[in-house]
């Protein structure tokens, strides 16, 4: 009888915590699209979006676009360069009085590009 109650309570707690984690994950994925996004939720969302975009690109182009000797430098340098470009774009938009999304900051552009580069580095043939 005690085992049955323990399993019942355990199953209930597992489902409650599971649903809370899913809700938190869905909120995090929607965060970059909010009017005033929370940076702590937006950062993992950009990682997920970057990985998903590159998973699609690996499916479409399943081979590396760079020679083997350049793959590791590409993994390290390209996200830094992309982060710089996105920061410059954000600065340009700010000077024009336009609202800049979070991805127009170095850190978020870097995270997005890093996820892209990591997926391609490990999963392309």
C-alpha atoms as a PDB file:
ATOM      1  CA  UNK A   1       0.000   0.000   0.000  1.00  0.00           C
ATOM      2  CA  UNK A   2       2.800   2.415   0.854  1.00  0.00           C
ATOM      3  CA  UNK A   3       4.544   1.611  -2.411  1.00  0.00           C
ATOM      4  CA  UNK A   4       1.368   2.448  -4.324  1.00  0.00           C
ATOM      5  CA  UNK A   5       1.049   5.827  -2.573  1.00  0.00           C
ATOM      6  CA  UNK A   6       4.741   6.542  -3.121  1.00  0.00           C
ATOM      7  CA  UNK A   7       4.409   5.756  -6.843  1.00  0.00           C
ATOM      8  CA  UNK A   8       1.248   7.864  -7.110  1.00  0.00           C
ATOM      9  CA  UNK A   9       2.819  10.891  -5.401  1.00  0.00           C
ATOM     10  CA  UNK A  10       6.045  10.392  -7.337  1.00  0.00           C
ATOM     11  CA  UNK A  11       4.183  10.250 -10.643  1.00  0.00           C
ATOM     12  CA  UNK A  12       2.246  13.398  -9.737  1.00  0.00           C
ATOM     13  CA  UNK A  13       5.415  15.309  -8.786  1.00  0.00           C
ATOM     14  CA  UNK A  14       7.208  14.106 -11.918  1.00  0.00           C
ATOM     15  CA  UNK A  15       4.397  15.370 -14.134  1.00  0.00           C
ATOM     16  CA  UNK A  16       4.129  18.711 -12.330  1.00  0.00           C
ATOM     17  CA  UNK A  17       7.862  19.375 -12.530  1.00  0.00           C
ATOM     18  CA  UNK A  18       7.985  18.119 -16.107  1.00  0.00           C
ATOM     19  CA  UNK A  19       5.225  20.480 -17.154  1.00  0.00           C
ATOM     20  CA  UNK A  20       6.883  23.379 -15.337  1.00  0.00           C
ATOM     21  CA  UNK A  21      10.158  22.691 -17.149  1.00  0.00           C
ATOM     22  CA  UNK A  22       8.388  22.502 -20.515  1.00  0.00           C
ATOM     23  CA  UNK A  23       6.561  25.766 -19.817  1.00  0.00           C
ATOM     24  CA  UNK A  24       9.828  27.435 -18.816  1.00  0.00           C
ATOM     25  CA  UNK A  25      11.465  26.127 -21.995  1.00  0.00           C
ATOM     26  CA  UNK A  26       8.638  27.382 -24.185  1.00  0.00           C
ATOM     27  CA  UNK A  27       8.765  30.778 -22.517  1.00  0.00           C
ATOM     28  CA  UNK A  28      12.514  30.882 -23.115  1.00  0.00           C
ATOM     29  CA  UNK A  29      12.055  30.080 -26.810  1.00  0.00           C
ATOM     30  CA  UNK A  30       9.469  32.849 -27.170  1.00  0.00           C
ATOM     31  CA  UNK A  31      11.509  35.385 -25.195  1.00  0.00           C
ATOM     32  CA  UNK A  32      13.550  36.890 -28.061  1.00  0.00           C
ATOM     33  CA  UNK A  33      10.301  37.888 -29.761  1.00  0.00           C
ATOM     34  CA  UNK A  34       8.891  39.806 -26.775  1.00  0.00           C
ATOM     35  CA  UNK A  35       8.778  43.593 -26.709  1.00  0.00           C
ATOM     36  CA  UNK A  36      11.008  43.682 -23.617  1.00  0.00           C
ATOM     37  CA  UNK A  37      12.847  40.345 -23.581  1.00  0.00           C
ATOM     38  CA  UNK A  38      14.497  38.898 -20.494  1.00  0.00           C
ATOM     39  CA  UNK A  39      18.177  38.365 -21.294  1.00  0.00           C
ATOM     40  CA  UNK A  40      18.444  35.197 -19.181  1.00  0.00           C
ATOM     41  CA  UNK A  41      15.688  33.513 -21.162  1.00  0.00           C
ATOM     42  CA  UNK A  42      16.716  34.916 -24.540  1.00  0.00           C
ATOM     43  CA  UNK A  43      20.306  33.613 -24.456  1.00  0.00           C
ATOM     44  CA  UNK A  44      19.407  29.897 -24.388  1.00  0.00           C
ATOM     45  CA  UNK A  45      16.715  30.554 -26.973  1.00  0.00           C
ATOM     46  CA  UNK A  46      19.286  31.964 -29.391  1.00  0.00           C
ATOM     47  CA  UNK A  47      21.433  28.868 -28.820  1.00  0.00           C
ATOM     48  CA  UNK A  48      18.470  26.620 -29.624  1.00  0.00           C
ATOM     49  CA  UNK A  49      17.483  28.665 -32.683  1.00  0.00           C
ATOM     50  CA  UNK A  50      21.069  28.640 -33.964  1.00  0.00           C
ATOM     51  CA  UNK A  51      21.389  24.894 -33.508  1.00  0.00           C
ATOM     52  CA  UNK A  52      18.013  24.298 -35.168  1.00  0.00           C
ATOM     53  CA  UNK A  53      18.888  26.499 -38.132  1.00  0.00           C
ATOM     54  CA  UNK A  54      22.156  24.722 -38.680  1.00  0.00           C
ATOM     55  CA  UNK A  55      20.591  21.301 -38.215  1.00  0.00           C
ATOM     56  CA  UNK A  56      18.405  22.249 -41.146  1.00  0.00           C
ATOM     57  CA  UNK A  57      21.431  23.449 -43.117  1.00  0.00           C
ATOM     58  CA  UNK A  58      23.361  20.233 -42.355  1.00  0.00           C
ATOM     59  CA  UNK A  59      20.376  18.310 -43.664  1.00  0.00           C
ATOM     60  CA  UNK A  60      20.339  20.408 -46.846  1.00  0.00           C
ATOM     61  CA  UNK A  61      24.148  20.603 -47.291  1.00  0.00           C
ATOM     62  CA  UNK A  62      25.561  17.583 -45.421  1.00  0.00           C
ATOM     63  CA  UNK A  63      29.233  18.273 -46.107  1.00  0.00           C
ATOM     64  CA  UNK A  64      31.679  20.809 -44.703  1.00  0.00           C
ATOM     65  CA  UNK A  65      32.094  23.998 -46.688  1.00  0.00           C
ATOM     66  CA  UNK A  66      35.639  24.539 -45.409  1.00  0.00           C
ATOM     67  CA  UNK A  67      38.749  22.378 -45.830  1.00  0.00           C
ATOM     68  CA  UNK A  68      39.703  20.224 -42.805  1.00  0.00           C
ATOM     69  CA  UNK A  69      42.577  22.488 -41.783  1.00  0.00           C
ATOM     70  CA  UNK A  70      40.199  25.473 -41.436  1.00  0.00           C
ATOM     71  CA  UNK A  71      37.383  23.781 -39.497  1.00  0.00           C
ATOM     72  CA  UNK A  72      38.655  24.499 -35.979  1.00  0.00           C
ATOM     73  CA  UNK A  73      39.618  28.122 -36.735  1.00  0.00           C
ATOM     74  CA  UNK A  74      36.179  28.502 -38.337  1.00  0.00           C
ATOM     75  CA  UNK A  75      34.573  27.175 -35.150  1.00  0.00           C
ATOM     76  CA  UNK A  76      36.464  29.722 -33.042  1.00  0.00           C
ATOM     77  CA  UNK A  77      36.706  32.823 -35.237  1.00  0.00           C
ATOM     78  CA  UNK A  78      33.470  32.908 -37.209  1.00  0.00           C
ATOM     79  CA  UNK A  79      31.147  33.360 -34.193  1.00  0.00           C
ATOM     80  CA  UNK A  80      33.340  36.236 -32.978  1.00  0.00           C
ATOM     81  CA  UNK A  81      33.174  37.887 -36.391  1.00  0.00           C
ATOM     82  CA  UNK A  82      29.417  37.376 -36.647  1.00  0.00           C
ATOM     83  CA  UNK A  83      28.951  38.803 -33.143  1.00  0.00           C
ATOM     84  CA  UNK A  84      30.918  41.876 -34.240  1.00  0.00           C
ATOM     85  CA  UNK A  85      28.793  42.291 -37.361  1.00  0.00           C
ATOM     86  CA  UNK A  86      25.594  41.991 -35.337  1.00  0.00           C
ATOM     87  CA  UNK A  87      26.868  44.547 -32.803  1.00  0.00           C
ATOM     88  CA  UNK A  88      27.692  46.936 -35.655  1.00  0.00           C
ATOM     89  CA  UNK A  89      24.210  46.407 -37.081  1.00  0.00           C
ATOM     90  CA  UNK A  90      22.693  47.139 -33.670  1.00  0.00           C
ATOM     91  CA  UNK A  91      24.783  50.308 -33.370  1.00  0.00           C
ATOM     92  CA  UNK A  92      23.708  51.389 -36.859  1.00  0.00           C
ATOM     93  CA  UNK A  93      20.057  50.805 -35.992  1.00  0.00           C
ATOM     94  CA  UNK A  94      20.401  52.707 -32.711  1.00  0.00           C
ATOM     95  CA  UNK A  95      21.907  55.730 -34.520  1.00  0.00           C
ATOM     96  CA  UNK A  96      18.922  55.731 -36.864  1.00  0.00           C
ATOM     97  CA  UNK A  97      16.486  55.600 -33.933  1.00  0.00           C
ATOM     98  CA  UNK A  98      15.270  52.099 -34.733  1.00  0.00           C
ATOM     99  CA  UNK A  99      14.592  49.497 -32.075  1.00  0.00           C
ATOM    100  CA  UNK A 100      17.269  46.823 -32.146  1.00  0.00           C
ATOM    101  CA  UNK A 101      16.368  43.239 -31.231  1.00  0.00           C
ATOM    102  CA  UNK A 102      18.623  41.414 -28.777  1.00  0.00           C
ATOM    103  CA  UNK A 103      20.387  39.545 -31.560  1.00  0.00           C
ATOM    104  CA  UNK A 104      21.837  42.900 -32.641  1.00  0.00           C
ATOM    105  CA  UNK A 105      24.175  42.757 -29.638  1.00  0.00           C
ATOM    106  CA  UNK A 106      27.539  41.040 -29.702  1.00  0.00           C
ATOM    107  CA  UNK A 107      26.771  38.362 -27.100  1.00  0.00           C
ATOM    108  CA  UNK A 108      23.520  37.190 -28.675  1.00  0.00           C
ATOM    109  CA  UNK A 109      24.869  37.243 -32.213  1.00  0.00           C
ATOM    110  CA  UNK A 110      27.879  35.308 -30.944  1.00  0.00           C
ATOM    111  CA  UNK A 111      25.697  32.683 -29.211  1.00  0.00           C
ATOM    112  CA  UNK A 112      23.564  32.190 -32.307  1.00  0.00           C
ATOM    113  CA  UNK A 113      26.619  31.844 -34.568  1.00  0.00           C
ATOM    114  CA  UNK A 114      28.406  29.594 -32.072  1.00  0.00           C
ATOM    115  CA  UNK A 115      25.473  27.170 -32.064  1.00  0.00           C
ATOM    116  CA  UNK A 116      25.529  27.191 -35.864  1.00  0.00           C
ATOM    117  CA  UNK A 117      29.271  26.527 -35.973  1.00  0.00           C
ATOM    118  CA  UNK A 118      29.212  23.768 -33.342  1.00  0.00           C
ATOM    119  CA  UNK A 119      26.451  21.827 -35.081  1.00  0.00           C
ATOM    120  CA  UNK A 120      28.208  22.069 -38.446  1.00  0.00           C
ATOM    121  CA  UNK A 121      31.594  21.163 -36.912  1.00  0.00           C
ATOM    122  CA  UNK A 122      30.310  17.975 -35.269  1.00  0.00           C
ATOM    123  CA  UNK A 123      27.528  16.795 -37.560  1.00  0.00           C
ATOM    124  CA  UNK A 124      28.499  17.621 -41.134  1.00  0.00           C
ATOM    125  CA  UNK A 125      30.398  14.879 -42.969  1.00  0.00           C
END
